[in-house]
């Protein structure tokens, strides 16, 4: 659990949100030394993010075509052509 003042939260919002999300900490916000609010992680948010990443990768790499067979092109280029 993290305890932070409202002023400090204003200055470090990104850090606090990262701590709540990635470390699954609970942040308690205080004003004049009294707790006024809590920031808690959303249940299952990490699992949803992993599924989203997998879905995006599957969609992206499923679009790419297979590489063509270039062996015949390589044979053609390996022959030397003489201009007599």
C-alpha atoms as a PDB file:
ATOM      1  CA  UNK A   1       0.000   0.000   0.000  1.00  0.00           C
ATOM      2  CA  UNK A   2       1.234   3.470  -0.925  1.00  0.00           C
ATOM      3  CA  UNK A   3       0.237   6.562   1.052  1.00  0.00           C
ATOM      4  CA  UNK A   4       0.668   9.851  -0.800  1.00  0.00           C
ATOM      5  CA  UNK A   5      -0.517  13.421  -0.358  1.00  0.00           C
ATOM      6  CA  UNK A   6      -2.790  15.011  -2.955  1.00  0.00           C
ATOM      7  CA  UNK A   7      -0.068  17.506  -3.885  1.00  0.00           C
ATOM      8  CA  UNK A   8       2.525  14.764  -4.293  1.00  0.00           C
ATOM      9  CA  UNK A   9       0.035  12.750  -6.362  1.00  0.00           C
ATOM     10  CA  UNK A  10      -0.373  15.711  -8.696  1.00  0.00           C
ATOM     11  CA  UNK A  11       3.390  15.767  -9.265  1.00  0.00           C
ATOM     12  CA  UNK A  12       3.897  11.988  -9.494  1.00  0.00           C
ATOM     13  CA  UNK A  13       0.655  10.743 -11.029  1.00  0.00           C
ATOM     14  CA  UNK A  14       2.331   8.633 -13.702  1.00  0.00           C
ATOM     15  CA  UNK A  15       4.598   6.879 -11.187  1.00  0.00           C
ATOM     16  CA  UNK A  16       1.685   6.147  -8.850  1.00  0.00           C
ATOM     17  CA  UNK A  17      -0.480   4.776 -11.669  1.00  0.00           C
ATOM     18  CA  UNK A  18       2.372   2.561 -12.873  1.00  0.00           C
ATOM     19  CA  UNK A  19       2.849   1.234  -9.358  1.00  0.00           C
ATOM     20  CA  UNK A  20      -0.869   0.515  -9.019  1.00  0.00           C
ATOM     21  CA  UNK A  21      -1.084  -1.182 -12.403  1.00  0.00           C
ATOM     22  CA  UNK A  22       2.165  -3.134 -12.646  1.00  0.00           C
ATOM     23  CA  UNK A  23       2.811  -3.907  -8.951  1.00  0.00           C
ATOM     24  CA  UNK A  24      -0.888  -4.096  -8.089  1.00  0.00           C
ATOM     25  CA  UNK A  25      -0.387  -1.742  -5.126  1.00  0.00           C
ATOM     26  CA  UNK A  26      -3.208   0.255  -3.578  1.00  0.00           C
ATOM     27  CA  UNK A  27      -2.548   4.000  -3.338  1.00  0.00           C
ATOM     28  CA  UNK A  28      -4.190   5.960  -0.510  1.00  0.00           C
ATOM     29  CA  UNK A  29      -4.428   9.705  -1.144  1.00  0.00           C
ATOM     30  CA  UNK A  30      -4.337  12.016   1.865  1.00  0.00           C
ATOM     31  CA  UNK A  31      -5.275  15.657   2.229  1.00  0.00           C
ATOM     32  CA  UNK A  32      -4.086  17.431   5.367  1.00  0.00           C
ATOM     33  CA  UNK A  33      -3.050  14.042   6.801  1.00  0.00           C
ATOM     34  CA  UNK A  34      -6.491  12.445   6.385  1.00  0.00           C
ATOM     35  CA  UNK A  35      -7.215   9.725   3.811  1.00  0.00           C
ATOM     36  CA  UNK A  36      -9.669  10.941   1.186  1.00  0.00           C
ATOM     37  CA  UNK A  37      -9.425   8.404  -1.651  1.00  0.00           C
ATOM     38  CA  UNK A  38      -7.923   5.142  -2.863  1.00  0.00           C
ATOM     39  CA  UNK A  39      -6.613   4.112  -6.246  1.00  0.00           C
ATOM     40  CA  UNK A  40      -6.916   0.358  -6.743  1.00  0.00           C
ATOM     41  CA  UNK A  41      -5.939  -1.849  -9.689  1.00  0.00           C
ATOM     42  CA  UNK A  42      -8.711  -3.113 -11.936  1.00  0.00           C
ATOM     43  CA  UNK A  43      -9.244  -6.843 -11.553  1.00  0.00           C
ATOM     44  CA  UNK A  44      -7.897  -8.840 -14.480  1.00  0.00           C
ATOM     45  CA  UNK A  45      -6.415  -5.802 -16.230  1.00  0.00           C
ATOM     46  CA  UNK A  46      -3.037  -7.512 -16.807  1.00  0.00           C
ATOM     47  CA  UNK A  47      -4.716 -10.585 -18.259  1.00  0.00           C
ATOM     48  CA  UNK A  48      -6.745  -8.395 -20.614  1.00  0.00           C
ATOM     49  CA  UNK A  49      -3.610  -6.557 -21.735  1.00  0.00           C
ATOM     50  CA  UNK A  50      -1.864  -9.862 -22.550  1.00  0.00           C
ATOM     51  CA  UNK A  51      -4.858 -10.988 -24.597  1.00  0.00           C
ATOM     52  CA  UNK A  52      -4.900  -7.677 -26.469  1.00  0.00           C
ATOM     53  CA  UNK A  53      -1.203  -7.955 -27.320  1.00  0.00           C
ATOM     54  CA  UNK A  54      -1.671 -11.537 -28.536  1.00  0.00           C
ATOM     55  CA  UNK A  55      -4.661 -10.507 -30.653  1.00  0.00           C
ATOM     56  CA  UNK A  56      -2.765  -7.615 -32.245  1.00  0.00           C
ATOM     57  CA  UNK A  57       0.259  -9.796 -33.027  1.00  0.00           C
ATOM     58  CA  UNK A  58      -1.924 -12.514 -34.528  1.00  0.00           C
ATOM     59  CA  UNK A  59      -3.774  -9.995 -36.680  1.00  0.00           C
ATOM     60  CA  UNK A  60      -0.592  -8.207 -37.768  1.00  0.00           C
ATOM     61  CA  UNK A  61       1.537 -11.212 -38.619  1.00  0.00           C
ATOM     62  CA  UNK A  62      -1.369 -13.046 -40.188  1.00  0.00           C
ATOM     63  CA  UNK A  63      -1.530 -10.279 -42.795  1.00  0.00           C
ATOM     64  CA  UNK A  64       2.051 -10.670 -44.003  1.00  0.00           C
ATOM     65  CA  UNK A  65       2.335 -12.825 -47.131  1.00  0.00           C
ATOM     66  CA  UNK A  66       4.700 -15.769 -47.304  1.00  0.00           C
ATOM     67  CA  UNK A  67       8.020 -15.120 -48.967  1.00  0.00           C
ATOM     68  CA  UNK A  68       8.090 -16.252 -52.605  1.00  0.00           C
ATOM     69  CA  UNK A  69      10.409 -18.995 -53.790  1.00  0.00           C
ATOM     70  CA  UNK A  70      13.374 -17.190 -55.327  1.00  0.00           C
ATOM     71  CA  UNK A  71      15.496 -20.229 -56.215  1.00  0.00           C
ATOM     72  CA  UNK A  72      14.770 -19.938 -59.970  1.00  0.00           C
ATOM     73  CA  UNK A  73      15.681 -16.265 -59.883  1.00  0.00           C
ATOM     74  CA  UNK A  74      18.954 -17.041 -58.148  1.00  0.00           C
ATOM     75  CA  UNK A  75      19.887 -19.675 -60.779  1.00  0.00           C
ATOM     76  CA  UNK A  76      19.228 -17.166 -63.512  1.00  0.00           C
ATOM     77  CA  UNK A  77      21.467 -14.543 -61.890  1.00  0.00           C
ATOM     78  CA  UNK A  78      24.325 -16.966 -61.292  1.00  0.00           C
ATOM     79  CA  UNK A  79      24.813 -17.573 -65.026  1.00  0.00           C
ATOM     80  CA  UNK A  80      27.339 -15.340 -66.668  1.00  0.00           C
ATOM     81  CA  UNK A  81      26.232 -13.741 -69.849  1.00  0.00           C
ATOM     82  CA  UNK A  82      28.889 -12.977 -72.429  1.00  0.00           C
ATOM     83  CA  UNK A  83      28.385 -10.299 -75.009  1.00  0.00           C
ATOM     84  CA  UNK A  84      30.508 -11.594 -77.905  1.00  0.00           C
END
